[in-house]
Amino acid sequence: MKYAILLCLAGTFVSTLANAEPIADRKALMKSNGEAMGVLGATAKGERAFDAAAVMAALEQLNANAEKLDVEALFPEGSGTGDTKAAPKIWEDMAGFTAAADKYKEAAAAAVAAAPDSLETLQPQVGAIGQTCGACHETYRLPST
């Protein structure tokens, strides 16, 4: 009986450790996205002077992060507990979540391809990216407390 309990506890511990990496990886990815969107959002609102190099660097950062957004690797079954804002809806609707991630990937790639060279050409790109982020966060992210 003692061995069964120890085995169960060990399994829980290993499961927790296995899920720690995807959570840390996706949090790092989202933090990086937030930093890039900070630059882009402030620029698009006119709160920051338009700097084509800084805009492209932020867009390329978002696109690189989008390419790293492997839903299966970053959101494996069981990684919805612990220090995460991932909503249970992700695992209830994995197909919808994957589709939302794909829309973000498309918007990020399109923004880089558009290579905005002015505030006027940047704003629609930031709007498109922001829509994909907002839609996903509204459905698949727990509210901040």
Protein backbone atom coordinates (compact mmCIF):
# COMPACT_ATOMS: atom_id res chain seq x y z
CA MET A 1 0.00 0.00 0.00
CA LYS A 2 2.83 2.41 0.89
CA TYR A 3 4.48 1.69 -2.44
CA ALA A 4 1.26 2.38 -4.32
CA ILE A 5 0.91 5.76 -2.62
CA LEU A 6 4.56 6.61 -3.28
CA LEU A 7 4.20 5.57 -6.90
CA CYS A 8 1.11 7.74 -7.26
CA LEU A 9 2.86 10.72 -5.67
CA ALA A 10 5.91 10.21 -7.85
CA GLY A 11 3.72 10.10 -10.94
CA THR A 12 2.03 13.34 -9.93
CA PHE A 13 5.41 14.96 -9.33
CA VAL A 14 6.76 13.84 -12.70
CA SER A 15 3.56 15.00 -14.40
CA THR A 16 3.92 18.42 -12.77
CA LEU A 17 7.53 18.68 -13.91
CA ALA A 18 6.64 17.62 -17.44
CA ASN A 19 4.02 20.36 -17.63
CA ALA A 20 6.29 23.07 -16.20
CA GLU A 21 8.29 23.51 -19.41
CA PRO A 22 5.37 24.13 -21.77
CA ILE A 23 3.94 26.68 -19.34
CA ALA A 24 7.27 28.49 -19.01
CA ASP A 25 7.84 28.34 -22.77
CA ARG A 26 4.45 29.75 -23.66
CA LYS A 27 4.71 32.44 -20.98
CA ALA A 28 8.07 33.52 -22.42
CA LEU A 29 6.56 33.58 -25.91
CA MET A 30 3.61 35.69 -24.76
CA LYS A 31 5.89 38.07 -22.86
CA SER A 32 7.97 38.55 -26.00
CA ASN A 33 4.77 39.16 -28.00
CA GLY A 34 3.68 41.76 -25.44
CA GLU A 35 6.98 43.60 -25.76
CA ALA A 36 6.72 43.68 -29.55
CA MET A 37 3.07 44.76 -29.44
CA GLY A 38 4.03 47.50 -27.00
CA VAL A 39 6.31 49.02 -29.63
CA LEU A 40 3.80 48.49 -32.43
CA GLY A 41 0.77 49.68 -30.48
CA ALA A 42 2.44 52.86 -29.27
CA THR A 43 3.66 53.58 -32.78
CA ALA A 44 0.27 52.89 -34.36
CA LYS A 45 -1.43 55.21 -31.85
CA GLY A 46 1.08 57.96 -32.56
CA GLU A 47 2.47 57.81 -29.03
CA ARG A 48 5.87 56.86 -30.40
CA ALA A 49 7.55 58.28 -33.49
CA PHE A 50 7.41 55.99 -36.51
CA ASP A 51 10.75 54.22 -36.92
CA ALA A 52 10.70 51.76 -39.81
CA ALA A 53 13.59 49.71 -38.40
CA ALA A 54 11.97 49.40 -34.96
CA VAL A 55 8.62 48.52 -36.56
CA MET A 56 10.16 45.79 -38.71
CA ALA A 57 12.13 44.43 -35.77
CA ALA A 58 8.93 44.18 -33.70
CA LEU A 59 7.00 42.60 -36.59
CA GLU A 60 9.80 40.10 -37.21
CA GLN A 61 9.82 39.28 -33.50
CA LEU A 62 6.07 38.57 -33.62
CA ASN A 63 6.48 36.47 -36.74
CA ALA A 64 9.37 34.49 -35.26
CA ASN A 65 7.24 33.87 -32.17
CA ALA A 66 4.33 32.83 -34.38
CA GLU A 67 6.56 30.27 -36.07
CA LYS A 68 7.44 28.89 -32.61
CA LEU A 69 3.77 28.63 -31.66
CA ASP A 70 3.43 24.86 -31.77
CA VAL A 71 0.06 24.26 -30.15
CA GLU A 72 0.68 20.58 -29.45
CA ALA A 73 4.05 21.22 -27.79
CA LEU A 74 3.09 24.34 -25.84
CA PHE A 75 -0.39 23.25 -24.78
CA PRO A 76 -0.21 19.50 -24.13
CA GLU A 77 -3.03 17.83 -22.25
CA GLY A 78 -2.62 18.45 -18.53
CA SER A 79 -0.71 21.73 -18.84
CA GLY A 80 -3.68 23.85 -17.88
CA THR A 81 -2.94 23.87 -14.17
CA GLY A 82 -0.32 25.71 -12.20
CA ASP A 83 1.01 29.19 -12.91
CA THR A 84 -0.88 29.73 -16.16
CA LYS A 85 -3.61 31.92 -17.58
CA ALA A 86 -4.54 29.28 -20.15
CA ALA A 87 -8.28 28.67 -19.96
CA PRO A 88 -9.73 25.14 -19.87
CA LYS A 89 -11.51 26.07 -23.12
CA ILE A 90 -8.21 25.39 -24.92
CA TRP A 91 -8.42 21.66 -24.22
CA GLU A 92 -12.20 21.58 -24.63
CA ASP A 93 -11.91 23.14 -28.11
CA MET A 94 -8.42 22.32 -29.35
CA ALA A 95 -9.50 22.64 -33.00
CA GLY A 96 -10.83 26.15 -32.40
CA PHE A 97 -7.74 27.11 -30.45
CA THR A 98 -5.48 25.79 -33.21
CA ALA A 99 -7.50 27.76 -35.78
CA ALA A 100 -7.09 30.92 -33.66
CA ALA A 101 -3.34 30.33 -33.46
CA ASP A 102 -3.22 29.85 -37.24
CA LYS A 103 -5.00 33.19 -37.77
CA TYR A 104 -2.38 34.90 -35.61
CA LYS A 105 0.39 33.23 -37.60
CA GLU A 106 -1.17 34.44 -40.86
CA ALA A 107 -1.58 38.01 -39.56
CA ALA A 108 2.02 38.15 -38.32
CA ALA A 109 3.40 36.80 -41.60
CA ALA A 110 1.25 39.20 -43.63
CA ALA A 111 2.44 42.16 -41.57
CA VAL A 112 6.08 41.29 -42.18
CA ALA A 113 5.40 40.77 -45.88
CA ALA A 114 3.65 44.17 -46.04
CA ALA A 115 6.81 45.84 -44.64
CA PRO A 116 4.99 48.95 -43.41
CA ASP A 117 6.95 52.09 -44.24
CA SER A 118 4.63 54.66 -42.70
CA LEU A 119 2.12 55.07 -39.91
CA GLU A 120 -0.69 54.73 -42.44
CA THR A 121 0.58 51.36 -43.69
CA LEU A 122 1.38 50.12 -40.18
CA GLN A 123 -2.00 50.76 -38.57
CA PRO A 124 -4.00 48.14 -40.52
CA GLN A 125 -1.31 45.53 -39.86
CA VAL A 126 -1.31 46.22 -36.12
CA GLY A 127 -5.11 46.15 -36.18
CA ALA A 128 -5.17 42.74 -37.86
CA ILE A 129 -2.63 41.29 -35.43
CA GLY A 130 -4.40 42.86 -32.47
CA GLN A 131 -7.72 41.35 -33.55
CA THR A 132 -6.26 37.86 -33.63
CA CYS A 133 -4.62 38.33 -30.23
CA GLY A 134 -7.76 39.79 -28.68
CA ALA A 135 -10.08 37.14 -30.06
CA CYS A 136 -7.85 34.35 -28.79
CA HIS A 137 -7.32 35.92 -25.37
CA GLU A 138 -11.06 36.57 -24.97
CA THR A 139 -11.89 32.91 -25.50
CA TYR A 140 -8.81 30.97 -24.45
CA ARG A 141 -7.21 33.02 -21.67
CA LEU A 142 -8.33 33.33 -18.07
CA PRO A 143 -9.09 36.89 -16.97
CA SER A 144 -6.33 38.69 -15.09
CA THR A 145 -7.00 39.19 -11.44
